[in-house]
Amino acid sequence: MEVNLISTITCPNCGHQEDEQMLTTACQFFYECENCNQILKPKEGDCCVFCSYGTVSCPPIQEGSGCC
């Protein structure tokens, strides 16, 4: 299975979307929206901002190995 490292994050505050490259060695717990400067944190039960607000889950989830 090929892991997709690009995910589009959508800010729940303003709706701004941005393509971001994900790390393969660590989770990203915080993300600042370029448009409204809102700091995004993972939703309860998610391991990172990509799992909560991205179009693609983080690499460990894609690989089926669980949370980062």
PDB file of N, CA and C in Angstrom:
ATOM      1  N   MET A   1       0.838  -1.190   0.000  1.00  0.00           N
ATOM      2  CA  MET A   1       0.000   0.000   0.000  1.00  0.00           C
ATOM      3  C   MET A   1       0.878   1.248   0.000  1.00  0.00           C
ATOM      4  N   GLU A   2       0.572   2.161  -0.875  1.00  0.00           N
ATOM      5  CA  GLU A   2       1.317   3.418  -0.949  1.00  0.00           C
ATOM      6  C   GLU A   2       0.692   4.433  -0.001  1.00  0.00           C
ATOM      7  N   VAL A   3       1.539   5.102   0.776  1.00  0.00           N
ATOM      8  CA  VAL A   3       1.080   6.100   1.736  1.00  0.00           C
ATOM      9  C   VAL A   3       1.072   7.467   1.069  1.00  0.00           C
ATOM     10  N   ASN A   4      -0.056   8.158   1.175  1.00  0.00           N
ATOM     11  CA  ASN A   4      -0.203   9.506   0.624  1.00  0.00           C
ATOM     12  C   ASN A   4       0.286  10.493   1.684  1.00  0.00           C
ATOM     13  N   LEU A   5       1.258  11.333   1.346  1.00  0.00           N
ATOM     14  CA  LEU A   5       1.822  12.276   2.306  1.00  0.00           C
ATOM     15  C   LEU A   5       1.263  13.690   2.191  1.00  0.00           C
ATOM     16  N   ILE A   6       0.337  13.916   1.257  1.00  0.00           N
ATOM     17  CA  ILE A   6      -0.283  15.235   1.096  1.00  0.00           C
ATOM     18  C   ILE A   6      -1.742  15.144   1.534  1.00  0.00           C
ATOM     19  N   SER A   7      -2.132  16.053   2.410  1.00  0.00           N
ATOM     20  CA  SER A   7      -3.507  16.117   2.889  1.00  0.00           C
ATOM     21  C   SER A   7      -3.964  17.573   2.841  1.00  0.00           C
ATOM     22  N   THR A   8      -5.199  17.791   2.481  1.00  0.00           N
ATOM     23  CA  THR A   8      -5.757  19.137   2.468  1.00  0.00           C
ATOM     24  C   THR A   8      -6.464  19.370   3.795  1.00  0.00           C
ATOM     25  N   ILE A   9      -5.937  20.313   4.577  1.00  0.00           N
ATOM     26  CA  ILE A   9      -6.539  20.656   5.857  1.00  0.00           C
ATOM     27  C   ILE A   9      -7.563  21.770   5.631  1.00  0.00           C
ATOM     28  N   THR A  10      -8.747  21.597   6.208  1.00  0.00           N
ATOM     29  CA  THR A  10      -9.799  22.604   6.143  1.00  0.00           C
ATOM     30  C   THR A  10     -10.013  23.166   7.541  1.00  0.00           C
ATOM     31  N   CYS A  11      -9.854  24.463   7.677  1.00  0.00           N
ATOM     32  CA  CYS A  11     -10.050  25.129   8.961  1.00  0.00           C
ATOM     33  C   CYS A  11     -11.538  25.143   9.302  1.00  0.00           C
ATOM     34  N   PRO A  12     -11.913  24.617  10.474  1.00  0.00           N
ATOM     35  CA  PRO A  12     -13.327  24.627  10.852  1.00  0.00           C
ATOM     36  C   PRO A  12     -13.832  26.024  11.230  1.00  0.00           C
ATOM     37  N   ASN A  13     -12.924  26.941  11.467  1.00  0.00           N
ATOM     38  CA  ASN A  13     -13.295  28.301  11.861  1.00  0.00           C
ATOM     39  C   ASN A  13     -13.679  29.160  10.656  1.00  0.00           C
ATOM     40  N   CYS A  14     -12.847  29.123   9.598  1.00  0.00           N
ATOM     41  CA  CYS A  14     -13.086  30.011   8.446  1.00  0.00           C
ATOM     42  C   CYS A  14     -13.279  29.272   7.124  1.00  0.00           C
ATOM     43  N   GLY A  15     -13.017  27.963   7.103  1.00  0.00           N
ATOM     44  CA  GLY A  15     -13.209  27.188   5.882  1.00  0.00           C
ATOM     45  C   GLY A  15     -12.027  27.205   4.927  1.00  0.00           C
ATOM     46  N   HIS A  16     -10.945  27.908   5.282  1.00  0.00           N
ATOM     47  CA  HIS A  16      -9.761  27.966   4.425  1.00  0.00           C
ATOM     48  C   HIS A  16      -9.170  26.565   4.269  1.00  0.00           C
ATOM     49  N   GLN A  17      -8.730  26.257   3.052  1.00  0.00           N
ATOM     50  CA  GLN A  17      -8.123  24.959   2.773  1.00  0.00           C
ATOM     51  C   GLN A  17      -6.682  25.151   2.324  1.00  0.00           C
ATOM     52  N   GLU A  18      -5.824  24.247   2.782  1.00  0.00           N
ATOM     53  CA  GLU A  18      -4.407  24.321   2.442  1.00  0.00           C
ATOM     54  C   GLU A  18      -3.858  22.900   2.311  1.00  0.00           C
ATOM     55  N   ASP A  19      -3.130  22.640   1.214  1.00  0.00           N
ATOM     56  CA  ASP A  19      -2.449  21.355   1.054  1.00  0.00           C
ATOM     57  C   ASP A  19      -1.182  21.363   1.891  1.00  0.00           C
ATOM     58  N   GLU A  20      -0.997  20.336   2.700  1.00  0.00           N
ATOM     59  CA  GLU A  20       0.162  20.236   3.578  1.00  0.00           C
ATOM     60  C   GLU A  20       0.795  18.860   3.453  1.00  0.00           C
ATOM     61  N   GLN A  21       2.106  18.814   3.578  1.00  0.00           N
ATOM     62  CA  GLN A  21       2.811  17.535   3.577  1.00  0.00           C
ATOM     63  C   GLN A  21       2.905  17.038   5.016  1.00  0.00           C
ATOM     64  N   MET A  22       2.586  15.755   5.196  1.00  0.00           N
ATOM     65  CA  MET A  22       2.606  15.165   6.525  1.00  0.00           C
ATOM     66  C   MET A  22       3.978  14.577   6.831  1.00  0.00           C
ATOM     67  N   LEU A  23       4.321  14.591   8.102  1.00  0.00           N
ATOM     68  CA  LEU A  23       5.535  13.946   8.566  1.00  0.00           C
ATOM     69  C   LEU A  23       5.296  12.446   8.624  1.00  0.00           C
ATOM     70  N   THR A  24       6.353  11.673   8.440  1.00  0.00           N
ATOM     71  CA  THR A  24       6.217  10.219   8.552  1.00  0.00           C
ATOM     72  C   THR A  24       6.737   9.716   9.888  1.00  0.00           C
ATOM     73  N   THR A  25       7.403  10.575  10.640  1.00  0.00           N
ATOM     74  CA  THR A  25       8.040  10.141  11.880  1.00  0.00           C
ATOM     75  C   THR A  25       7.376  10.692  13.131  1.00  0.00           C
ATOM     76  N   ALA A  26       6.392  11.567  13.001  1.00  0.00           N
ATOM     77  CA  ALA A  26       5.745  12.159  14.175  1.00  0.00           C
ATOM     78  C   ALA A  26       4.369  12.685  13.800  1.00  0.00           C
ATOM     79  N   CYS A  27       3.497  12.752  14.804  1.00  0.00           N
ATOM     80  CA  CYS A  27       2.173  13.345  14.613  1.00  0.00           C
ATOM     81  C   CYS A  27       2.271  14.864  14.712  1.00  0.00           C
ATOM     82  N   GLN A  28       1.334  15.530  14.087  1.00  0.00           N
ATOM     83  CA  GLN A  28       1.264  16.986  14.198  1.00  0.00           C
ATOM     84  C   GLN A  28       0.049  17.308  15.056  1.00  0.00           C
ATOM     85  N   PHE A  29       0.312  17.804  16.259  1.00  0.00           N
ATOM     86  CA  PHE A  29      -0.755  18.065  17.215  1.00  0.00           C
ATOM     87  C   PHE A  29      -1.359  19.453  17.071  1.00  0.00           C
ATOM     88  N   PHE A  30      -0.615  20.386  16.487  1.00  0.00           N
ATOM     89  CA  PHE A  30      -1.103  21.756  16.326  1.00  0.00           C
ATOM     90  C   PHE A  30      -0.896  22.204  14.886  1.00  0.00           C
ATOM     91  N   TYR A  31      -1.817  23.041  14.413  1.00  0.00           N
ATOM     92  CA  TYR A  31      -1.720  23.597  13.059  1.00  0.00           C
ATOM     93  C   TYR A  31      -2.334  24.985  13.100  1.00  0.00           C
ATOM     94  N   GLU A  32      -1.615  25.975  12.564  1.00  0.00           N
ATOM     95  CA  GLU A  32      -2.142  27.340  12.522  1.00  0.00           C
ATOM     96  C   GLU A  32      -2.675  27.634  11.132  1.00  0.00           C
ATOM     97  N   CYS A  33      -3.945  28.024  11.063  1.00  0.00           N
ATOM     98  CA  CYS A  33      -4.574  28.381   9.795  1.00  0.00           C
ATOM     99  C   CYS A  33      -3.901  29.641   9.248  1.00  0.00           C
ATOM    100  N   GLU A  34      -3.517  29.590   7.979  1.00  0.00           N
ATOM    101  CA  GLU A  34      -2.872  30.743   7.335  1.00  0.00           C
ATOM    102  C   GLU A  34      -3.823  31.915   7.172  1.00  0.00           C
ATOM    103  N   ASN A  35      -5.122  31.646   7.102  1.00  0.00           N
ATOM    104  CA  ASN A  35      -6.095  32.692   6.835  1.00  0.00           C
ATOM    105  C   ASN A  35      -6.543  33.424   8.104  1.00  0.00           C
ATOM    106  N   CYS A  36      -6.952  32.670   9.130  1.00  0.00           N
ATOM    107  CA  CYS A  36      -7.519  33.313  10.321  1.00  0.00           C
ATOM    108  C   CYS A  36      -6.646  33.159  11.572  1.00  0.00           C
ATOM    109  N   ASN A  37      -5.520  32.461  11.436  1.00  0.00           N
ATOM    110  CA  ASN A  37      -4.570  32.235  12.540  1.00  0.00           C
ATOM    111  C   ASN A  37      -5.133  31.403  13.690  1.00  0.00           C
ATOM    112  N   GLN A  38      -6.238  30.718  13.467  1.00  0.00           N
ATOM    113  CA  GLN A  38      -6.788  29.798  14.467  1.00  0.00           C
ATOM    114  C   GLN A  38      -5.816  28.631  14.645  1.00  0.00           C
ATOM    115  N   ILE A  39      -5.557  28.250  15.894  1.00  0.00           N
ATOM    116  CA  ILE A  39      -4.713  27.096  16.180  1.00  0.00           C
ATOM    117  C   ILE A  39      -5.619  25.872  16.273  1.00  0.00           C
ATOM    118  N   LEU A  40      -5.404  24.916  15.367  1.00  0.00           N
ATOM    119  CA  LEU A  40      -6.200  23.695  15.362  1.00  0.00           C
ATOM    120  C   LEU A  40      -5.507  22.636  16.196  1.00  0.00           C
ATOM    121  N   LYS A  41      -6.307  21.877  16.932  1.00  0.00           N
ATOM    122  CA  LYS A  41      -5.835  20.742  17.723  1.00  0.00           C
ATOM    123  C   LYS A  41      -6.675  19.540  17.312  1.00  0.00           C
ATOM    124  N   PRO A  42      -6.162  18.329  17.487  1.00  0.00           N
ATOM    125  CA  PRO A  42      -6.963  17.150  17.118  1.00  0.00           C
ATOM    126  C   PRO A  42      -8.264  17.081  17.915  1.00  0.00           C
ATOM    127  N   LYS A  43      -9.310  16.582  17.248  1.00  0.00           N
ATOM    128  CA  LYS A  43     -10.572  16.342  17.942  1.00  0.00           C
ATOM    129  C   LYS A  43     -10.379  15.160  18.893  1.00  0.00           C
ATOM    130  N   GLU A  44     -11.209  15.091  19.907  1.00  0.00           N
ATOM    131  CA  GLU A  44     -11.128  13.989  20.857  1.00  0.00           C
ATOM    132  C   GLU A  44     -11.236  12.652  20.120  1.00  0.00           C
ATOM    133  N   GLY A  45     -10.296  11.762  20.389  1.00  0.00           N
ATOM    134  CA  GLY A  45     -10.279  10.452  19.749  1.00  0.00           C
ATOM    135  C   GLY A  45      -9.382  10.384  18.526  1.00  0.00           C
ATOM    136  N   ASP A  46      -8.936  11.528  18.013  1.00  0.00           N
ATOM    137  CA  ASP A  46      -8.018  11.557  16.868  1.00  0.00           C
ATOM    138  C   ASP A  46      -6.603  11.793  17.363  1.00  0.00           C
ATOM    139  N   CYS A  47      -5.624  11.289  16.601  1.00  0.00           N
ATOM    140  CA  CYS A  47      -4.230  11.397  17.052  1.00  0.00           C
ATOM    141  C   CYS A  47      -3.528  12.650  16.545  1.00  0.00           C
ATOM    142  N   CYS A  48      -4.058  13.289  15.498  1.00  0.00           N
ATOM    143  CA  CYS A  48      -3.374  14.470  14.960  1.00  0.00           C
ATOM    144  C   CYS A  48      -4.359  15.340  14.175  1.00  0.00           C
ATOM    145  N   VAL A  49      -3.899  16.516  13.770  1.00  0.00           N
ATOM    146  CA  VAL A  49      -4.771  17.441  13.038  1.00  0.00           C
ATOM    147  C   VAL A  49      -5.156  16.907  11.660  1.00  0.00           C
ATOM    148  N   PHE A  50      -4.300  16.074  11.064  1.00  0.00           N
ATOM    149  CA  PHE A  50      -4.637  15.517   9.752  1.00  0.00           C
ATOM    150  C   PHE A  50      -5.806  14.543   9.854  1.00  0.00           C
ATOM    151  N   CYS A  51      -5.845  13.765  10.943  1.00  0.00           N
ATOM    152  CA  CYS A  51      -6.960  12.832  11.140  1.00  0.00           C
ATOM    153  C   CYS A  51      -8.257  13.581  11.425  1.00  0.00           C
ATOM    154  N   SER A  52      -8.166  14.754  12.036  1.00  0.00           N
ATOM    155  CA  SER A  52      -9.357  15.537  12.374  1.00  0.00           C
ATOM    156  C   SER A  52      -9.836  16.448  11.246  1.00  0.00           C
ATOM    157  N   TYR A  53      -8.918  17.106  10.552  1.00  0.00           N
ATOM    158  CA  TYR A  53      -9.303  18.159   9.597  1.00  0.00           C
ATOM    159  C   TYR A  53      -8.786  17.942   8.174  1.00  0.00           C
ATOM    160  N   GLY A  54      -8.048  16.866   7.951  1.00  0.00           N
ATOM    161  CA  GLY A  54      -7.463  16.626   6.637  1.00  0.00           C
ATOM    162  C   GLY A  54      -8.297  15.710   5.764  1.00  0.00           C
ATOM    163  N   THR A  55      -7.990  15.736   4.480  1.00  0.00           N
ATOM    164  CA  THR A  55      -8.658  14.848   3.535  1.00  0.00           C
ATOM    165  C   THR A  55      -8.051  13.456   3.563  1.00  0.00           C
ATOM    166  N   VAL A  56      -6.845  13.353   4.113  1.00  0.00           N
ATOM    167  CA  VAL A  56      -6.136  12.075   4.216  1.00  0.00           C
ATOM    168  C   VAL A  56      -5.639  11.935   5.652  1.00  0.00           C
ATOM    169  N   SER A  57      -5.837  10.776   6.247  1.00  0.00           N
ATOM    170  CA  SER A  57      -5.338  10.522   7.603  1.00  0.00           C
ATOM    171  C   SER A  57      -3.818  10.434   7.600  1.00  0.00           C
ATOM    172  N   CYS A  58      -3.234  10.535   8.786  1.00  0.00           N
ATOM    173  CA  CYS A  58      -1.772  10.499   8.912  1.00  0.00           C
ATOM    174  C   CYS A  58      -1.216   9.148   8.458  1.00  0.00           C
ATOM    175  N   PRO A  59       0.078   9.104   8.103  1.00  0.00           N
ATOM    176  CA  PRO A  59       0.683   7.868   7.593  1.00  0.00           C
ATOM    177  C   PRO A  59       0.494   6.634   8.479  1.00  0.00           C
ATOM    178  N   PRO A  60       0.683   6.705   9.803  1.00  0.00           N
ATOM    179  CA  PRO A  60       0.468   5.479  10.608  1.00  0.00           C
ATOM    180  C   PRO A  60      -0.967   4.926  10.512  1.00  0.00           C
ATOM    181  N   ILE A  61      -1.935   5.807  10.463  1.00  0.00           N
ATOM    182  CA  ILE A  61      -3.319   5.370  10.321  1.00  0.00           C
ATOM    183  C   ILE A  61      -3.535   4.749   8.941  1.00  0.00           C
ATOM    184  N   GLN A  62      -2.970   5.370   7.903  1.00  0.00           N
ATOM    185  CA  GLN A  62      -3.088   4.813   6.552  1.00  0.00           C
ATOM    186  C   GLN A  62      -2.484   3.417   6.476  1.00  0.00           C
ATOM    187  N   GLU A  63      -1.381   3.211   7.198  1.00  0.00           N
ATOM    188  CA  GLU A  63      -0.710   1.912   7.184  1.00  0.00           C
ATOM    189  C   GLU A  63      -1.376   0.886   8.087  1.00  0.00           C
ATOM    190  N   GLY A  64      -2.325   1.325   8.896  1.00  0.00           N
ATOM    191  CA  GLY A  64      -3.031   0.422   9.789  1.00  0.00           C
ATOM    192  C   GLY A  64      -2.267   0.096  11.055  1.00  0.00           C
ATOM    193  N   SER A  65      -1.258   0.897  11.367  1.00  0.00           N
ATOM    194  CA  SER A  65      -0.454   0.623  12.559  1.00  0.00           C
ATOM    195  C   SER A  65      -0.929   1.418  13.771  1.00  0.00           C
ATOM    196  N   GLY A  66      -2.035   2.089  13.660  1.00  0.00           N
ATOM    197  CA  GLY A  66      -2.571   2.852  14.788  1.00  0.00           C
ATOM    198  C   GLY A  66      -2.021   4.252  14.848  1.00  0.00           C
ATOM    199  N   CYS A  67      -2.246   4.865  15.976  1.00  0.00           N
ATOM    200  CA  CYS A  67      -1.853   6.249  16.190  1.00  0.00           C
ATOM    201  C   CYS A  67      -0.324   6.424  16.170  1.00  0.00           C
ATOM    202  N   CYS A  68       0.104   7.623  15.846  1.00  0.00           N
ATOM    203  CA  CYS A  68       1.519   7.955  15.776  1.00  0.00           C
ATOM    204  C   CYS A  68       2.230   7.700  17.097  1.00  0.00           C
TER     205      CYS A  68
END
